[in-house]
PDB file of N, CA and C in Angstrom:
ATOM      1  N   MET A   1      16.610 -16.367   2.741  1.00  0.00           N
ATOM      2  CA  MET A   1      16.338 -15.416   3.794  1.00  0.00           C
ATOM      3  C   MET A   1      17.656 -14.981   4.426  1.00  0.00           C
ATOM      4  N   VAL A   2      17.912 -13.703   4.468  1.00  0.00           N
ATOM      5  CA  VAL A   2      19.127 -13.169   5.057  1.00  0.00           C
ATOM      6  C   VAL A   2      18.775 -12.591   6.422  1.00  0.00           C
ATOM      7  N   ALA A   3      19.463 -13.060   7.436  1.00  0.00           N
ATOM      8  CA  ALA A   3      19.213 -12.572   8.789  1.00  0.00           C
ATOM      9  C   ALA A   3      20.026 -11.316   9.038  1.00  0.00           C
ATOM     10  N   ASP A   4      19.446 -10.392   9.798  1.00  0.00           N
ATOM     11  CA  ASP A   4      20.229  -9.214  10.152  1.00  0.00           C
ATOM     12  C   ASP A   4      21.086  -9.537  11.376  1.00  0.00           C
ATOM     13  N   LEU A   5      21.975  -8.636  11.713  1.00  0.00           N
ATOM     14  CA  LEU A   5      22.937  -8.884  12.786  1.00  0.00           C
ATOM     15  C   LEU A   5      22.253  -9.154  14.121  1.00  0.00           C
ATOM     16  N   SER A   6      21.173  -8.459  14.424  1.00  0.00           N
ATOM     17  CA  SER A   6      20.490  -8.677  15.705  1.00  0.00           C
ATOM     18  C   SER A   6      19.906 -10.089  15.781  1.00  0.00           C
ATOM     19  N   GLU A   7      19.397 -10.616  14.650  1.00  0.00           N
ATOM     20  CA  GLU A   7      18.887 -11.985  14.632  1.00  0.00           C
ATOM     21  C   GLU A   7      20.010 -12.979  14.858  1.00  0.00           C
ATOM     22  N   VAL A   8      21.137 -12.743  14.231  1.00  0.00           N
ATOM     23  CA  VAL A   8      22.290 -13.633  14.385  1.00  0.00           C
ATOM     24  C   VAL A   8      22.754 -13.637  15.840  1.00  0.00           C
ATOM     25  N   LEU A   9      22.840 -12.477  16.443  1.00  0.00           N
ATOM     26  CA  LEU A   9      23.262 -12.390  17.843  1.00  0.00           C
ATOM     27  C   LEU A   9      22.273 -13.086  18.765  1.00  0.00           C
ATOM     28  N   THR A  10      20.991 -12.923  18.501  1.00  0.00           N
ATOM     29  CA  THR A  10      19.964 -13.586  19.304  1.00  0.00           C
ATOM     30  C   THR A  10      20.100 -15.100  19.195  1.00  0.00           C
ATOM     31  N   LEU A  11      20.280 -15.600  17.975  1.00  0.00           N
ATOM     32  CA  LEU A  11      20.442 -17.040  17.779  1.00  0.00           C
ATOM     33  C   LEU A  11      21.710 -17.557  18.455  1.00  0.00           C
ATOM     34  N   PHE A  12      22.781 -16.791  18.369  1.00  0.00           N
ATOM     35  CA  PHE A  12      24.033 -17.189  19.012  1.00  0.00           C
ATOM     36  C   PHE A  12      23.857 -17.274  20.530  1.00  0.00           C
ATOM     37  N   LYS A  13      23.194 -16.275  21.119  1.00  0.00           N
ATOM     38  CA  LYS A  13      22.971 -16.278  22.575  1.00  0.00           C
ATOM     39  C   LYS A  13      22.105 -17.463  22.990  1.00  0.00           C
ATOM     40  N   GLU A  14      21.070 -17.758  22.211  1.00  0.00           N
ATOM     41  CA  GLU A  14      20.208 -18.902  22.522  1.00  0.00           C
ATOM     42  C   GLU A  14      20.996 -20.205  22.410  1.00  0.00           C
ATOM     43  N   HIS A  15      21.820 -20.328  21.389  1.00  0.00           N
ATOM     44  CA  HIS A  15      22.657 -21.519  21.240  1.00  0.00           C
ATOM     45  C   HIS A  15      23.578 -21.680  22.458  1.00  0.00           C
ATOM     46  N   GLU A  16      24.163 -20.593  22.900  1.00  0.00           N
ATOM     47  CA  GLU A  16      25.061 -20.637  24.055  1.00  0.00           C
ATOM     48  C   GLU A  16      24.312 -21.041  25.323  1.00  0.00           C
ATOM     49  N   ARG A  17      23.107 -20.511  25.523  1.00  0.00           N
ATOM     50  CA  ARG A  17      22.301 -20.902  26.697  1.00  0.00           C
ATOM     51  C   ARG A  17      21.956 -22.391  26.636  1.00  0.00           C
ATOM     52  N   ASN A  18      21.609 -22.883  25.440  1.00  0.00           N
ATOM     53  CA  ASN A  18      21.300 -24.311  25.299  1.00  0.00           C
ATOM     54  C   ASN A  18      22.529 -25.175  25.566  1.00  0.00           C
ATOM     55  N   ARG A  19      23.695 -24.747  25.083  1.00  0.00           N
ATOM     56  CA  ARG A  19      24.925 -25.495  25.323  1.00  0.00           C
ATOM     57  C   ARG A  19      25.247 -25.558  26.809  1.00  0.00           C
ATOM     58  N   GLU A  20      25.108 -24.419  27.496  1.00  0.00           N
ATOM     59  CA  GLU A  20      25.358 -24.387  28.941  1.00  0.00           C
ATOM     60  C   GLU A  20      24.376 -25.300  29.680  1.00  0.00           C
ATOM     61  N   TRP A  21      23.104 -25.260  29.280  1.00  0.00           N
ATOM     62  CA  TRP A  21      22.095 -26.116  29.905  1.00  0.00           C
ATOM     63  C   TRP A  21      22.449 -27.588  29.703  1.00  0.00           C
ATOM     64  N   PHE A  22      22.878 -27.921  28.478  1.00  0.00           N
ATOM     65  CA  PHE A  22      23.286 -29.292  28.188  1.00  0.00           C
ATOM     66  C   PHE A  22      24.423 -29.725  29.112  1.00  0.00           C
ATOM     67  N   GLU A  23      25.450 -28.893  29.236  1.00  0.00           N
ATOM     68  CA  GLU A  23      26.595 -29.231  30.085  1.00  0.00           C
ATOM     69  C   GLU A  23      26.169 -29.401  31.542  1.00  0.00           C
ATOM     70  N   GLU A  24      25.285 -28.531  32.026  1.00  0.00           N
ATOM     71  CA  GLU A  24      24.819 -28.623  33.413  1.00  0.00           C
ATOM     72  C   GLU A  24      23.999 -29.889  33.657  1.00  0.00           C
ATOM     73  N   ASN A  25      23.338 -30.400  32.636  1.00  0.00           N
ATOM     74  CA  ASN A  25      22.434 -31.540  32.776  1.00  0.00           C
ATOM     75  C   ASN A  25      22.929 -32.797  32.073  1.00  0.00           C
ATOM     76  N   ARG A  26      24.197 -32.804  31.718  1.00  0.00           N
ATOM     77  CA  ARG A  26      24.767 -33.897  30.925  1.00  0.00           C
ATOM     78  C   ARG A  26      24.499 -35.271  31.527  1.00  0.00           C
ATOM     79  N   GLU A  27      24.760 -35.468  32.805  1.00  0.00           N
ATOM     80  CA  GLU A  27      24.592 -36.792  33.421  1.00  0.00           C
ATOM     81  C   GLU A  27      23.164 -37.292  33.311  1.00  0.00           C
ATOM     82  N   THR A  28      22.212 -36.450  33.637  1.00  0.00           N
ATOM     83  CA  THR A  28      20.796 -36.825  33.566  1.00  0.00           C
ATOM     84  C   THR A  28      20.384 -37.120  32.133  1.00  0.00           C
ATOM     85  N   LEU A  29      20.845 -36.297  31.200  1.00  0.00           N
ATOM     86  CA  LEU A  29      20.506 -36.495  29.794  1.00  0.00           C
ATOM     87  C   LEU A  29      21.076 -37.804  29.263  1.00  0.00           C
ATOM     88  N   VAL A  30      22.307 -38.128  29.635  1.00  0.00           N
ATOM     89  CA  VAL A  30      22.917 -39.381  29.187  1.00  0.00           C
ATOM     90  C   VAL A  30      22.147 -40.572  29.749  1.00  0.00           C
ATOM     91  N   GLU A  31      21.754 -40.500  31.013  1.00  0.00           N
ATOM     92  CA  GLU A  31      20.972 -41.588  31.614  1.00  0.00           C
ATOM     93  C   GLU A  31      19.648 -41.785  30.883  1.00  0.00           C
ATOM     94  N   LYS A  32      18.979 -40.686  30.568  1.00  0.00           N
ATOM     95  CA  LYS A  32      17.646 -40.764  29.969  1.00  0.00           C
ATOM     96  C   LYS A  32      17.677 -41.056  28.474  1.00  0.00           C
ATOM     97  N   TYR A  33      18.644 -40.497  27.754  1.00  0.00           N
ATOM     98  CA  TYR A  33      18.659 -40.587  26.288  1.00  0.00           C
ATOM     99  C   TYR A  33      19.880 -41.322  25.745  1.00  0.00           C
ATOM    100  N   ASP A  34      20.477 -42.196  26.542  1.00  0.00           N
ATOM    101  CA  ASP A  34      21.689 -42.909  26.121  1.00  0.00           C
ATOM    102  C   ASP A  34      21.464 -43.615  24.787  1.00  0.00           C
ATOM    103  N   GLY A  35      22.368 -43.400  23.847  1.00  0.00           N
ATOM    104  CA  GLY A  35      22.279 -44.032  22.542  1.00  0.00           C
ATOM    105  C   GLY A  35      21.377 -43.307  21.559  1.00  0.00           C
ATOM    106  N   LYS A  36      20.855 -42.148  21.974  1.00  0.00           N
ATOM    107  CA  LYS A  36      19.961 -41.379  21.113  1.00  0.00           C
ATOM    108  C   LYS A  36      20.522 -39.982  20.892  1.00  0.00           C
ATOM    109  N   PHE A  37      20.119 -39.367  19.790  1.00  0.00           N
ATOM    110  CA  PHE A  37      20.433 -37.976  19.518  1.00  0.00           C
ATOM    111  C   PHE A  37      19.295 -37.137  20.090  1.00  0.00           C
ATOM    112  N   ILE A  38      19.620 -35.955  20.620  1.00  0.00           N
ATOM    113  CA  ILE A  38      18.580 -35.095  21.183  1.00  0.00           C
ATOM    114  C   ILE A  38      18.593 -33.731  20.505  1.00  0.00           C
ATOM    115  N   ALA A  39      17.420 -33.111  20.456  1.00  0.00           N
ATOM    116  CA  ALA A  39      17.266 -31.742  19.969  1.00  0.00           C
ATOM    117  C   ALA A  39      16.872 -30.893  21.167  1.00  0.00           C
ATOM    118  N   ILE A  40      17.599 -29.798  21.380  1.00  0.00           N
ATOM    119  CA  ILE A  40      17.356 -28.913  22.522  1.00  0.00           C
ATOM    120  C   ILE A  40      16.881 -27.569  21.995  1.00  0.00           C
ATOM    121  N   HIS A  41      15.825 -27.054  22.619  1.00  0.00           N
ATOM    122  CA  HIS A  41      15.294 -25.728  22.291  1.00  0.00           C
ATOM    123  C   HIS A  41      14.872 -25.075  23.595  1.00  0.00           C
ATOM    124  N   GLU A  42      15.310 -23.850  23.791  1.00  0.00           N
ATOM    125  CA  GLU A  42      14.998 -23.080  25.003  1.00  0.00           C
ATOM    126  C   GLU A  42      15.252 -23.897  26.274  1.00  0.00           C
ATOM    127  N   ARG A  43      16.424 -24.519  26.309  1.00  0.00           N
ATOM    128  CA  ARG A  43      16.924 -25.241  27.460  1.00  0.00           C
ATOM    129  C   ARG A  43      16.050 -26.422  27.893  1.00  0.00           C
ATOM    130  N   SER A  44      15.495 -27.103  26.909  1.00  0.00           N
ATOM    131  CA  SER A  44      14.797 -28.359  27.198  1.00  0.00           C
ATOM    132  C   SER A  44      14.869 -29.261  25.967  1.00  0.00           C
ATOM    133  N   VAL A  45      14.762 -30.557  26.207  1.00  0.00           N
ATOM    134  CA  VAL A  45      14.772 -31.520  25.114  1.00  0.00           C
ATOM    135  C   VAL A  45      13.398 -31.481  24.457  1.00  0.00           C
ATOM    136  N   VAL A  46      13.372 -31.193  23.158  1.00  0.00           N
ATOM    137  CA  VAL A  46      12.107 -31.116  22.438  1.00  0.00           C
ATOM    138  C   VAL A  46      11.869 -32.344  21.563  1.00  0.00           C
ATOM    139  N   ASP A  47      12.917 -33.122  21.305  1.00  0.00           N
ATOM    140  CA  ASP A  47      12.763 -34.322  20.498  1.00  0.00           C
ATOM    141  C   ASP A  47      14.023 -35.172  20.634  1.00  0.00           C
ATOM    142  N   PHE A  48      13.894 -36.445  20.294  1.00  0.00           N
ATOM    143  CA  PHE A  48      15.044 -37.349  20.324  1.00  0.00           C
ATOM    144  C   PHE A  48      14.768 -38.518  19.403  1.00  0.00           C
ATOM    145  N   ASP A  49      15.839 -39.168  18.952  1.00  0.00           N
ATOM    146  CA  ASP A  49      15.693 -40.325  18.068  1.00  0.00           C
ATOM    147  C   ASP A  49      17.039 -41.031  17.968  1.00  0.00           C
ATOM    148  N   LYS A  50      17.006 -42.333  17.728  1.00  0.00           N
ATOM    149  CA  LYS A  50      18.248 -43.074  17.460  1.00  0.00           C
ATOM    150  C   LYS A  50      18.780 -42.745  16.073  1.00  0.00           C
ATOM    151  N   ASP A  51      17.882 -42.351  15.171  1.00  0.00           N
ATOM    152  CA  ASP A  51      18.233 -42.042  13.783  1.00  0.00           C
ATOM    153  C   ASP A  51      18.376 -40.522  13.638  1.00  0.00           C
ATOM    154  N   ILE A  52      19.612 -40.063  13.460  1.00  0.00           N
ATOM    155  CA  ILE A  52      19.839 -38.617  13.381  1.00  0.00           C
ATOM    156  C   ILE A  52      19.147 -38.004  12.154  1.00  0.00           C
ATOM    157  N   GLY A  53      19.037 -38.758  11.071  1.00  0.00           N
ATOM    158  CA  GLY A  53      18.364 -38.245   9.879  1.00  0.00           C
ATOM    159  C   GLY A  53      16.899 -37.945  10.137  1.00  0.00           C
ATOM    160  N   LYS A  54      16.207 -38.872  10.806  1.00  0.00           N
ATOM    161  CA  LYS A  54      14.789 -38.650  11.140  1.00  0.00           C
ATOM    162  C   LYS A  54      14.641 -37.477  12.098  1.00  0.00           C
ATOM    163  N   LEU A  55      15.534 -37.404  13.070  1.00  0.00           N
ATOM    164  CA  LEU A  55      15.485 -36.293  14.020  1.00  0.00           C
ATOM    165  C   LEU A  55      15.686 -34.964  13.303  1.00  0.00           C
ATOM    166  N   MET A  56      16.659 -34.910  12.405  1.00  0.00           N
ATOM    167  CA  MET A  56      16.935 -33.664  11.686  1.00  0.00           C
ATOM    168  C   MET A  56      15.756 -33.243  10.811  1.00  0.00           C
ATOM    169  N   GLU A  57      15.060 -34.199  10.208  1.00  0.00           N
ATOM    170  CA  GLU A  57      13.864 -33.866   9.424  1.00  0.00           C
ATOM    171  C   GLU A  57      12.825 -33.176  10.303  1.00  0.00           C
ATOM    172  N   ARG A  58      12.598 -33.736  11.492  1.00  0.00           N
ATOM    173  CA  ARG A  58      11.611 -33.132  12.402  1.00  0.00           C
ATOM    174  C   ARG A  58      12.089 -31.777  12.911  1.00  0.00           C
ATOM    175  N   VAL A  59      13.384 -31.654  13.183  1.00  0.00           N
ATOM    176  CA  VAL A  59      13.938 -30.378  13.648  1.00  0.00           C
ATOM    177  C   VAL A  59      13.751 -29.309  12.575  1.00  0.00           C
ATOM    178  N   HIS A  60      14.004 -29.642  11.322  1.00  0.00           N
ATOM    179  CA  HIS A  60      13.831 -28.669  10.237  1.00  0.00           C
ATOM    180  C   HIS A  60      12.370 -28.225  10.123  1.00  0.00           C
ATOM    181  N   ARG A  61      11.430 -29.159  10.283  1.00  0.00           N
ATOM    182  CA  ARG A  61      10.005 -28.784  10.255  1.00  0.00           C
ATOM    183  C   ARG A  61       9.685 -27.880  11.440  1.00  0.00           C
ATOM    184  N   PHE A  62      10.248 -28.207  12.607  1.00  0.00           N
ATOM    185  CA  PHE A  62      10.035 -27.402  13.815  1.00  0.00           C
ATOM    186  C   PHE A  62      10.576 -25.987  13.612  1.00  0.00           C
ATOM    187  N   GLN A  63      11.767 -25.874  13.027  1.00  0.00           N
ATOM    188  CA  GLN A  63      12.356 -24.556  12.770  1.00  0.00           C
ATOM    189  C   GLN A  63      11.507 -23.755  11.799  1.00  0.00           C
ATOM    190  N   ALA A  64      10.966 -24.409  10.784  1.00  0.00           N
ATOM    191  CA  ALA A  64      10.106 -23.713   9.821  1.00  0.00           C
ATOM    192  C   ALA A  64       8.850 -23.201  10.522  1.00  0.00           C
ATOM    193  N   LEU A  65       8.301 -24.003  11.419  1.00  0.00           N
ATOM    194  CA  LEU A  65       7.125 -23.570  12.178  1.00  0.00           C
ATOM    195  C   LEU A  65       7.461 -22.371  13.060  1.00  0.00           C
ATOM    196  N   LEU A  66       8.611 -22.406  13.719  1.00  0.00           N
ATOM    197  CA  LEU A  66       9.016 -21.276  14.558  1.00  0.00           C
ATOM    198  C   LEU A  66       9.167 -20.000  13.744  1.00  0.00           C
ATOM    199  N   ARG A  67       9.756 -20.110  12.552  1.00  0.00           N
ATOM    200  CA  ARG A  67       9.895 -18.931  11.691  1.00  0.00           C
ATOM    201  C   ARG A  67       8.525 -18.384  11.314  1.00  0.00           C
ATOM    202  N   THR A  68       7.575 -19.280  11.030  1.00  0.00           N
ATOM    203  CA  THR A  68       6.221 -18.856  10.679  1.00  0.00           C
ATOM    204  C   THR A  68       5.566 -18.168  11.864  1.00  0.00           C
ATOM    205  N   VAL A  69       5.748 -18.737  13.052  1.00  0.00           N
ATOM    206  CA  VAL A  69       5.169 -18.149  14.258  1.00  0.00           C
ATOM    207  C   VAL A  69       5.728 -16.747  14.476  1.00  0.00           C
ATOM    208  N   ARG A  70       7.031 -16.606  14.352  1.00  0.00           N
ATOM    209  CA  ARG A  70       7.653 -15.298  14.562  1.00  0.00           C
ATOM    210  C   ARG A  70       7.205 -14.294  13.509  1.00  0.00           C
ATOM    211  N   ARG A  71       7.035 -14.765  12.291  1.00  0.00           N
ATOM    212  CA  ARG A  71       6.679 -13.865  11.197  1.00  0.00           C
ATOM    213  C   ARG A  71       5.202 -13.454  11.278  1.00  0.00           C
ATOM    214  N   LYS A  72       4.319 -14.400  11.533  1.00  0.00           N
ATOM    215  CA  LYS A  72       2.891 -14.114  11.522  1.00  0.00           C
ATOM    216  C   LYS A  72       2.350 -13.708  12.890  1.00  0.00           C
ATOM    217  N   GLY A  73       3.058 -14.042  13.923  1.00  0.00           N
ATOM    218  CA  GLY A  73       2.561 -13.802  15.266  1.00  0.00           C
ATOM    219  C   GLY A  73       1.864 -15.061  15.764  1.00  0.00           C
ATOM    220  N   ARG A  74       2.136 -15.407  16.977  1.00  0.00           N
ATOM    221  CA  ARG A  74       1.647 -16.663  17.531  1.00  0.00           C
ATOM    222  C   ARG A  74       0.125 -16.768  17.503  1.00  0.00           C
ATOM    223  N   GLU A  75      -0.579 -15.723  17.889  1.00  0.00           N
ATOM    224  CA  GLU A  75      -2.028 -15.798  17.968  1.00  0.00           C
ATOM    225  C   GLU A  75      -2.657 -16.069  16.596  1.00  0.00           C
ATOM    226  N   ARG A  76      -2.161 -15.411  15.555  1.00  0.00           N
ATOM    227  CA  ARG A  76      -2.699 -15.612  14.213  1.00  0.00           C
ATOM    228  C   ARG A  76      -2.478 -17.043  13.748  1.00  0.00           C
ATOM    229  N   LEU A  77      -1.284 -17.572  13.996  1.00  0.00           N
ATOM    230  CA  LEU A  77      -0.986 -18.926  13.552  1.00  0.00           C
ATOM    231  C   LEU A  77      -1.854 -19.932  14.306  1.00  0.00           C
ATOM    232  N   LEU A  78      -1.977 -19.775  15.619  1.00  0.00           N
ATOM    233  CA  LEU A  78      -2.770 -20.707  16.405  1.00  0.00           C
ATOM    234  C   LEU A  78      -4.244 -20.632  16.029  1.00  0.00           C
ATOM    235  N   ALA A  79      -4.719 -19.445  15.671  1.00  0.00           N
ATOM    236  CA  ALA A  79      -6.110 -19.296  15.254  1.00  0.00           C
ATOM    237  C   ALA A  79      -6.371 -20.049  13.958  1.00  0.00           C
ATOM    238  N   CYS A  80      -5.349 -20.181  13.122  1.00  0.00           N
ATOM    239  CA  CYS A  80      -5.500 -20.874  11.837  1.00  0.00           C
ATOM    240  C   CYS A  80      -5.386 -22.389  11.997  1.00  0.00           C
ATOM    241  N   ALA A  81      -4.809 -22.836  13.064  1.00  0.00           N
ATOM    242  CA  ALA A  81      -4.542 -24.277  13.237  1.00  0.00           C
ATOM    243  C   ALA A  81      -5.789 -25.046  13.600  1.00  0.00           C
TER     244      ALA A  81
END
């Protein structure tokens, strides 16, 4: 799948917002998730694990679901679930 420039820019902006959110909340996140890896989406922690491999597997499934939602439309996907 090749993303067009607008998709790349959107993803870059979202990544930047998540990075800023992480920096603003670093102390709280370290207290809560110390010793764990975290996955951030839309400025919130969506998953965490001590094992980065397991976390990455779940993140990849989550990303695939998001692509499906965007492609099919949220209502259609939820109606099928």
